[in-house]
Amino acid sequence: MVCCFAGFTASACETCTRKQSWLLRNATHGRGPDTRWDYLIVAIVALLVLVTLFYSIKWLLFPGEQSAHHIKNIVLNERP
C-alpha cells in the first residue's frame, strides 16, 4: 500500500495556504484552527491517543498475569 503513494505529495492551494496558521501552512485545504484552544484540544487528544497506544502495546506484549488459571494461559497452553 505504501508503494502506491511513494511519489504522491499533497499540498494546499494558494488560497488555503494564506488562510492557515504558520504551523499548518501548506498542509491541508480549508480553514485552520481559529484560536489557541483548538491547538490545545488537538494536543490533548493526540496525547491521549499516544498514551492509549503505548499501554495497548505494552499490555499486549507483557500482560503481567501470573495466575495459572488465567484465561490467557488456558488459551495459550491448549494443545490441538
PDB file of N, CA and C in Angstrom:
ATOM      1  N   MET A   1       0.823  -1.190   0.000  1.00  0.00           N
ATOM      2  CA  MET A   1       0.000   0.000   0.000  1.00  0.00           C
ATOM      3  C   MET A   1       0.866   1.253   0.000  1.00  0.00           C
ATOM      4  N   VAL A   2       1.946   1.228   0.728  1.00  0.00           N
ATOM      5  CA  VAL A   2       2.821   2.397   0.799  1.00  0.00           C
ATOM      6  C   VAL A   2       3.459   2.661  -0.546  1.00  0.00           C
ATOM      7  N   CYS A   3       3.800   1.614  -1.282  1.00  0.00           N
ATOM      8  CA  CYS A   3       4.460   1.809  -2.568  1.00  0.00           C
ATOM      9  C   CYS A   3       3.551   2.527  -3.573  1.00  0.00           C
ATOM     10  N   CYS A   4       2.245   2.420  -3.412  1.00  0.00           N
ATOM     11  CA  CYS A   4       1.317   3.097  -4.315  1.00  0.00           C
ATOM     12  C   CYS A   4       1.386   4.615  -4.172  1.00  0.00           C
ATOM     13  N   PHE A   5       1.706   5.077  -2.968  1.00  0.00           N
ATOM     14  CA  PHE A   5       1.709   6.511  -2.701  1.00  0.00           C
ATOM     15  C   PHE A   5       3.116   7.068  -2.501  1.00  0.00           C
ATOM     16  N   ALA A   6       4.123   6.351  -2.917  1.00  0.00           N
ATOM     17  CA  ALA A   6       5.505   6.772  -2.674  1.00  0.00           C
ATOM     18  C   ALA A   6       5.827   8.108  -3.336  1.00  0.00           C
ATOM     19  N   GLY A   7       5.315   8.331  -4.542  1.00  0.00           N
ATOM     20  CA  GLY A   7       5.616   9.573  -5.243  1.00  0.00           C
ATOM     21  C   GLY A   7       4.569  10.649  -5.055  1.00  0.00           C
ATOM     22  N   PHE A   8       3.580  10.381  -4.240  1.00  0.00           N
ATOM     23  CA  PHE A   8       2.466  11.300  -4.048  1.00  0.00           C
ATOM     24  C   PHE A   8       2.803  12.336  -2.991  1.00  0.00           C
ATOM     25  N   THR A   9       2.664  13.593  -3.336  1.00  0.00           N
ATOM     26  CA  THR A   9       2.838  14.661  -2.358  1.00  0.00           C
ATOM     27  C   THR A   9       1.582  15.521  -2.372  1.00  0.00           C
ATOM     28  N   ALA A  10       1.139  15.899  -1.207  1.00  0.00           N
ATOM     29  CA  ALA A  10      -0.068  16.715  -1.091  1.00  0.00           C
ATOM     30  C   ALA A  10       0.292  18.093  -0.572  1.00  0.00           C
ATOM     31  N   SER A  11      -0.380  19.085  -1.083  1.00  0.00           N
ATOM     32  CA  SER A  11      -0.195  20.434  -0.577  1.00  0.00           C
ATOM     33  C   SER A  11      -1.479  21.217  -0.828  1.00  0.00           C
ATOM     34  N   ALA A  12      -1.651  22.225  -0.040  1.00  0.00           N
ATOM     35  CA  ALA A  12      -2.861  23.044  -0.138  1.00  0.00           C
ATOM     36  C   ALA A  12      -2.716  24.045  -1.280  1.00  0.00           C
ATOM     37  N   CYS A  13      -3.853  24.539  -1.746  1.00  0.00           N
ATOM     38  CA  CYS A  13      -3.826  25.568  -2.780  1.00  0.00           C
ATOM     39  C   CYS A  13      -3.382  26.899  -2.161  1.00  0.00           C
ATOM     40  N   GLU A  14      -3.130  27.883  -2.998  1.00  0.00           N
ATOM     41  CA  GLU A  14      -2.607  29.164  -2.500  1.00  0.00           C
ATOM     42  C   GLU A  14      -3.582  29.867  -1.562  1.00  0.00           C
ATOM     43  N   THR A  15      -4.867  29.808  -1.868  1.00  0.00           N
ATOM     44  CA  THR A  15      -5.868  30.469  -1.026  1.00  0.00           C
ATOM     45  C   THR A  15      -5.899  29.849   0.365  1.00  0.00           C
ATOM     46  N   CYS A  16      -5.924  28.519   0.427  1.00  0.00           N
ATOM     47  CA  CYS A  16      -5.948  27.835   1.723  1.00  0.00           C
ATOM     48  C   CYS A  16      -4.652  28.072   2.494  1.00  0.00           C
ATOM     49  N   THR A  17      -3.543  28.130   1.786  1.00  0.00           N
ATOM     50  CA  THR A  17      -2.262  28.357   2.441  1.00  0.00           C
ATOM     51  C   THR A  17      -2.234  29.721   3.130  1.00  0.00           C
ATOM     52  N   ARG A  18      -2.801  30.731   2.484  1.00  0.00           N
ATOM     53  CA  ARG A  18      -2.816  32.064   3.085  1.00  0.00           C
ATOM     54  C   ARG A  18      -3.725  32.155   4.308  1.00  0.00           C
ATOM     55  N   LYS A  19      -4.789  31.338   4.354  1.00  0.00           N
ATOM     56  CA  LYS A  19      -5.738  31.390   5.462  1.00  0.00           C
ATOM     57  C   LYS A  19      -5.281  30.628   6.703  1.00  0.00           C
ATOM     58  N   GLN A  20      -4.308  29.751   6.549  1.00  0.00           N
ATOM     59  CA  GLN A  20      -3.913  28.898   7.664  1.00  0.00           C
ATOM     60  C   GLN A  20      -2.783  29.519   8.470  1.00  0.00           C
ATOM     61  N   SER A  21      -2.652  29.008   9.695  1.00  0.00           N
ATOM     62  CA  SER A  21      -1.594  29.486  10.581  1.00  0.00           C
ATOM     63  C   SER A  21      -0.234  28.949  10.134  1.00  0.00           C
ATOM     64  N   TRP A  22       0.811  29.469  10.705  1.00  0.00           N
ATOM     65  CA  TRP A  22       2.165  29.079  10.309  1.00  0.00           C
ATOM     66  C   TRP A  22       2.441  27.601  10.577  1.00  0.00           C
ATOM     67  N   LEU A  23       1.803  27.026  11.576  1.00  0.00           N
ATOM     68  CA  LEU A  23       2.064  25.631  11.939  1.00  0.00           C
ATOM     69  C   LEU A  23       1.524  24.662  10.892  1.00  0.00           C
ATOM     70  N   LEU A  24       0.365  24.965  10.320  1.00  0.00           N
ATOM     71  CA  LEU A  24      -0.264  24.061   9.359  1.00  0.00           C
ATOM     72  C   LEU A  24      -0.208  24.568   7.924  1.00  0.00           C
ATOM     73  N   ARG A  25       0.558  25.581   7.696  1.00  0.00           N
ATOM     74  CA  ARG A  25       0.611  26.187   6.366  1.00  0.00           C
ATOM     75  C   ARG A  25       1.039  25.165   5.315  1.00  0.00           C
ATOM     76  N   ASN A  26       0.308  25.131   4.230  1.00  0.00           N
ATOM     77  CA  ASN A  26       0.576  24.259   3.089  1.00  0.00           C
ATOM     78  C   ASN A  26       0.384  22.779   3.423  1.00  0.00           C
ATOM     79  N   ALA A  27      -0.367  22.469   4.472  1.00  0.00           N
ATOM     80  CA  ALA A  27      -0.573  21.076   4.859  1.00  0.00           C
ATOM     81  C   ALA A  27      -1.923  20.537   4.397  1.00  0.00           C
ATOM     82  N   THR A  28      -2.988  21.306   4.581  1.00  0.00           N
ATOM     83  CA  THR A  28      -4.322  20.825   4.239  1.00  0.00           C
ATOM     84  C   THR A  28      -5.145  21.934   3.611  1.00  0.00           C
ATOM     85  N   HIS A  29      -6.251  21.539   3.026  1.00  0.00           N
ATOM     86  CA  HIS A  29      -7.194  22.519   2.490  1.00  0.00           C
ATOM     87  C   HIS A  29      -8.155  22.951   3.587  1.00  0.00           C
ATOM     88  N   GLY A  30      -8.786  24.072   3.390  1.00  0.00           N
ATOM     89  CA  GLY A  30      -9.779  24.562   4.337  1.00  0.00           C
ATOM     90  C   GLY A  30      -9.170  25.477   5.374  1.00  0.00           C
ATOM     91  N   ARG A  31     -10.030  25.880   6.305  1.00  0.00           N
ATOM     92  CA  ARG A  31      -9.585  26.782   7.360  1.00  0.00           C
ATOM     93  C   ARG A  31      -8.763  26.024   8.386  1.00  0.00           C
ATOM     94  N   GLY A  32      -7.849  26.718   8.962  1.00  0.00           N
ATOM     95  CA  GLY A  32      -7.067  26.145  10.046  1.00  0.00           C
ATOM     96  C   GLY A  32      -7.743  26.425  11.371  1.00  0.00           C
ATOM     97  N   PRO A  33      -7.079  26.119  12.457  1.00  0.00           N
ATOM     98  CA  PRO A  33      -7.639  26.393  13.780  1.00  0.00           C
ATOM     99  C   PRO A  33      -7.894  27.891  13.968  1.00  0.00           C
ATOM    100  N   ASP A  34      -8.994  28.206  14.657  1.00  0.00           N
ATOM    101  CA  ASP A  34      -9.354  29.609  14.856  1.00  0.00           C
ATOM    102  C   ASP A  34      -8.637  30.236  16.043  1.00  0.00           C
ATOM    103  N   THR A  35      -8.494  29.485  17.126  1.00  0.00           N
ATOM    104  CA  THR A  35      -7.891  30.037  18.338  1.00  0.00           C
ATOM    105  C   THR A  35      -6.853  29.073  18.886  1.00  0.00           C
ATOM    106  N   ARG A  36      -6.204  29.497  19.964  1.00  0.00           N
ATOM    107  CA  ARG A  36      -5.223  28.630  20.631  1.00  0.00           C
ATOM    108  C   ARG A  36      -5.904  27.450  21.310  1.00  0.00           C
ATOM    109  N   TRP A  37      -7.190  27.597  21.637  1.00  0.00           N
ATOM    110  CA  TRP A  37      -7.922  26.488  22.245  1.00  0.00           C
ATOM    111  C   TRP A  37      -7.996  25.301  21.295  1.00  0.00           C
ATOM    112  N   ASP A  38      -8.093  25.567  20.014  1.00  0.00           N
ATOM    113  CA  ASP A  38      -8.130  24.476  19.032  1.00  0.00           C
ATOM    114  C   ASP A  38      -6.838  23.670  19.075  1.00  0.00           C
ATOM    115  N   TYR A  39      -5.716  24.363  19.169  1.00  0.00           N
ATOM    116  CA  TYR A  39      -4.433  23.665  19.270  1.00  0.00           C
ATOM    117  C   TYR A  39      -4.353  22.859  20.573  1.00  0.00           C
ATOM    118  N   LEU A  40      -4.851  23.430  21.649  1.00  0.00           N
ATOM    119  CA  LEU A  40      -4.830  22.736  22.938  1.00  0.00           C
ATOM    120  C   LEU A  40      -5.678  21.468  22.886  1.00  0.00           C
ATOM    121  N   ILE A  41      -6.852  21.556  22.298  1.00  0.00           N
ATOM    122  CA  ILE A  41      -7.723  20.383  22.186  1.00  0.00           C
ATOM    123  C   ILE A  41      -7.051  19.294  21.357  1.00  0.00           C
ATOM    124  N   VAL A  42      -6.467  19.660  20.247  1.00  0.00           N
ATOM    125  CA  VAL A  42      -5.790  18.683  19.389  1.00  0.00           C
ATOM    126  C   VAL A  42      -4.596  18.076  20.114  1.00  0.00           C
ATOM    127  N   ALA A  43      -3.852  18.883  20.853  1.00  0.00           N
ATOM    128  CA  ALA A  43      -2.698  18.366  21.592  1.00  0.00           C
ATOM    129  C   ALA A  43      -3.129  17.384  22.677  1.00  0.00           C
ATOM    130  N   ILE A  44      -4.207  17.691  23.390  1.00  0.00           N
ATOM    131  CA  ILE A  44      -4.702  16.785  24.436  1.00  0.00           C
ATOM    132  C   ILE A  44      -5.178  15.470  23.828  1.00  0.00           C
ATOM    133  N   VAL A  45      -5.899  15.541  22.737  1.00  0.00           N
ATOM    134  CA  VAL A  45      -6.378  14.327  22.075  1.00  0.00           C
ATOM    135  C   VAL A  45      -5.199  13.507  21.547  1.00  0.00           C
ATOM    136  N   ALA A  46      -4.209  14.157  20.962  1.00  0.00           N
ATOM    137  CA  ALA A  46      -3.027  13.444  20.469  1.00  0.00           C
ATOM    138  C   ALA A  46      -2.288  12.765  21.621  1.00  0.00           C
ATOM    139  N   LEU A  47      -2.189  13.434  22.759  1.00  0.00           N
ATOM    140  CA  LEU A  47      -1.550  12.839  23.929  1.00  0.00           C
ATOM    141  C   LEU A  47      -2.325  11.621  24.415  1.00  0.00           C
ATOM    142  N   LEU A  48      -3.651  11.719  24.452  1.00  0.00           N
ATOM    143  CA  LEU A  48      -4.475  10.575  24.857  1.00  0.00           C
ATOM    144  C   LEU A  48      -4.305   9.395  23.905  1.00  0.00           C
ATOM    145  N   VAL A  49      -4.229   9.672  22.631  1.00  0.00           N
ATOM    146  CA  VAL A  49      -4.036   8.608  21.644  1.00  0.00           C
ATOM    147  C   VAL A  49      -2.680   7.936  21.838  1.00  0.00           C
ATOM    148  N   LEU A  50      -1.634   8.720  22.069  1.00  0.00           N
ATOM    149  CA  LEU A  50      -0.302   8.152  22.271  1.00  0.00           C
ATOM    150  C   LEU A  50      -0.223   7.329  23.551  1.00  0.00           C
ATOM    151  N   VAL A  51      -0.826   7.799  24.625  1.00  0.00           N
ATOM    152  CA  VAL A  51      -0.834   7.042  25.881  1.00  0.00           C
ATOM    153  C   VAL A  51      -1.600   5.737  25.702  1.00  0.00           C
ATOM    154  N   THR A  52      -2.739   5.803  25.032  1.00  0.00           N
ATOM    155  CA  THR A  52      -3.533   4.600  24.776  1.00  0.00           C
ATOM    156  C   THR A  52      -2.761   3.610  23.912  1.00  0.00           C
ATOM    157  N   LEU A  53      -2.094   4.087  22.893  1.00  0.00           N
ATOM    158  CA  LEU A  53      -1.288   3.221  22.034  1.00  0.00           C
ATOM    159  C   LEU A  53      -0.161   2.571  22.822  1.00  0.00           C
ATOM    160  N   PHE A  54       0.521   3.350  23.655  1.00  0.00           N
ATOM    161  CA  PHE A  54       1.619   2.826  24.468  1.00  0.00           C
ATOM    162  C   PHE A  54       1.145   1.689  25.369  1.00  0.00           C
ATOM    163  N   TYR A  55       0.071   1.932  26.127  1.00  0.00           N
ATOM    164  CA  TYR A  55      -0.419   0.909  27.045  1.00  0.00           C
ATOM    165  C   TYR A  55      -1.027  -0.289  26.317  1.00  0.00           C
ATOM    166  N   SER A  56      -1.625  -0.068  25.173  1.00  0.00           N
ATOM    167  CA  SER A  56      -2.164  -1.188  24.396  1.00  0.00           C
ATOM    168  C   SER A  56      -1.044  -2.128  23.967  1.00  0.00           C
ATOM    169  N   ILE A  57       0.027  -1.561  23.448  1.00  0.00           N
ATOM    170  CA  ILE A  57       1.159  -2.384  23.023  1.00  0.00           C
ATOM    171  C   ILE A  57       1.839  -3.030  24.222  1.00  0.00           C
ATOM    172  N   LYS A  58       2.023  -2.267  25.285  1.00  0.00           N
ATOM    173  CA  LYS A  58       2.679  -2.790  26.480  1.00  0.00           C
ATOM    174  C   LYS A  58       1.921  -3.979  27.049  1.00  0.00           C
ATOM    175  N   TRP A  59       0.617  -3.846  27.229  1.00  0.00           N
ATOM    176  CA  TRP A  59      -0.170  -4.923  27.837  1.00  0.00           C
ATOM    177  C   TRP A  59      -0.423  -6.069  26.866  1.00  0.00           C
ATOM    178  N   LEU A  60      -0.307  -5.813  25.582  1.00  0.00           N
ATOM    179  CA  LEU A  60      -0.412  -6.894  24.625  1.00  0.00           C
ATOM    180  C   LEU A  60       0.836  -7.769  24.669  1.00  0.00           C
ATOM    181  N   LEU A  61       1.995  -7.136  24.762  1.00  0.00           N
ATOM    182  CA  LEU A  61       3.250  -7.883  24.795  1.00  0.00           C
ATOM    183  C   LEU A  61       3.561  -8.462  26.165  1.00  0.00           C
ATOM    184  N   PHE A  62       3.260  -7.736  27.225  1.00  0.00           N
ATOM    185  CA  PHE A  62       3.564  -8.163  28.590  1.00  0.00           C
ATOM    186  C   PHE A  62       2.317  -8.023  29.464  1.00  0.00           C
ATOM    187  N   PRO A  63       1.401  -9.002  29.407  1.00  0.00           N
ATOM    188  CA  PRO A  63       0.143  -8.857  30.132  1.00  0.00           C
ATOM    189  C   PRO A  63       0.311  -8.821  31.644  1.00  0.00           C
ATOM    190  N   GLY A  64       1.303  -9.480  32.204  1.00  0.00           N
ATOM    191  CA  GLY A  64       1.564  -9.381  33.636  1.00  0.00           C
ATOM    192  C   GLY A  64       0.772 -10.329  34.503  1.00  0.00           C
ATOM    193  N   GLU A  65      -0.115 -11.124  33.942  1.00  0.00           N
ATOM    194  CA  GLU A  65      -0.872 -12.086  34.745  1.00  0.00           C
ATOM    195  C   GLU A  65      -0.008 -13.311  35.010  1.00  0.00           C
ATOM    196  N   GLN A  66       0.109 -13.699  36.270  1.00  0.00           N
ATOM    197  CA  GLN A  66       0.940 -14.835  36.644  1.00  0.00           C
ATOM    198  C   GLN A  66       0.125 -16.054  37.079  1.00  0.00           C
ATOM    199  N   SER A  67      -1.155 -15.901  37.271  1.00  0.00           N
ATOM    200  CA  SER A  67      -2.003 -16.988  37.735  1.00  0.00           C
ATOM    201  C   SER A  67      -2.084 -18.097  36.683  1.00  0.00           C
ATOM    202  N   ALA A  68      -1.953 -19.346  37.130  1.00  0.00           N
ATOM    203  CA  ALA A  68      -2.027 -20.480  36.206  1.00  0.00           C
ATOM    204  C   ALA A  68      -3.439 -20.681  35.674  1.00  0.00           C
ATOM    205  N   HIS A  69      -4.432 -20.127  36.340  1.00  0.00           N
ATOM    206  CA  HIS A  69      -5.822 -20.300  35.935  1.00  0.00           C
ATOM    207  C   HIS A  69      -6.360 -19.111  35.134  1.00  0.00           C
ATOM    208  N   HIS A  70      -5.487 -18.206  34.748  1.00  0.00           N
ATOM    209  CA  HIS A  70      -5.916 -17.057  33.956  1.00  0.00           C
ATOM    210  C   HIS A  70      -6.300 -17.519  32.551  1.00  0.00           C
ATOM    211  N   ILE A  71      -7.255 -16.849  31.953  1.00  0.00           N
ATOM    212  CA  ILE A  71      -7.783 -17.241  30.648  1.00  0.00           C
ATOM    213  C   ILE A  71      -6.694 -17.277  29.577  1.00  0.00           C
ATOM    214  N   LYS A  72      -5.711 -16.405  29.645  1.00  0.00           N
ATOM    215  CA  LYS A  72      -4.670 -16.404  28.613  1.00  0.00           C
ATOM    216  C   LYS A  72      -3.862 -17.684  28.657  1.00  0.00           C
ATOM    217  N   ASN A  73      -3.632 -18.226  29.860  1.00  0.00           N
ATOM    218  CA  ASN A  73      -2.885 -19.476  29.966  1.00  0.00           C
ATOM    219  C   ASN A  73      -3.697 -20.657  29.457  1.00  0.00           C
ATOM    220  N   ILE A  74      -4.990 -20.621  29.640  1.00  0.00           N
ATOM    221  CA  ILE A  74      -5.839 -21.686  29.128  1.00  0.00           C
ATOM    222  C   ILE A  74      -5.796 -21.677  27.589  1.00  0.00           C
ATOM    223  N   VAL A  75      -5.838 -20.498  26.999  1.00  0.00           N
ATOM    224  CA  VAL A  75      -5.833 -20.387  25.546  1.00  0.00           C
ATOM    225  C   VAL A  75      -4.454 -20.707  24.985  1.00  0.00           C
ATOM    226  N   LEU A  76      -3.398 -20.170  25.588  1.00  0.00           N
ATOM    227  CA  LEU A  76      -2.053 -20.378  25.066  1.00  0.00           C
ATOM    228  C   LEU A  76      -1.548 -21.797  25.262  1.00  0.00           C
ATOM    229  N   ASN A  77      -1.928 -22.456  26.330  1.00  0.00           N
ATOM    230  CA  ASN A  77      -1.397 -23.779  26.638  1.00  0.00           C
ATOM    231  C   ASN A  77      -2.247 -24.909  26.097  1.00  0.00           C
ATOM    232  N   GLU A  78      -3.372 -24.624  25.506  1.00  0.00           N
ATOM    233  CA  GLU A  78      -4.240 -25.675  24.990  1.00  0.00           C
ATOM    234  C   GLU A  78      -3.617 -26.285  23.739  1.00  0.00           C
ATOM    235  N   ARG A  79      -3.568 -27.581  23.697  1.00  0.00           N
ATOM    236  CA  ARG A  79      -2.981 -28.298  22.565  1.00  0.00           C
ATOM    237  C   ARG A  79      -4.085 -28.733  21.606  1.00  0.00           C
ATOM    238  N   PRO A  80      -3.846 -28.618  20.306  1.00  0.00           N
ATOM    239  CA  PRO A  80      -4.869 -29.054  19.333  1.00  0.00           C
ATOM    240  C   PRO A  80      -4.945 -30.571  19.229  1.00  0.00           C
TER     241      PRO A  80
END
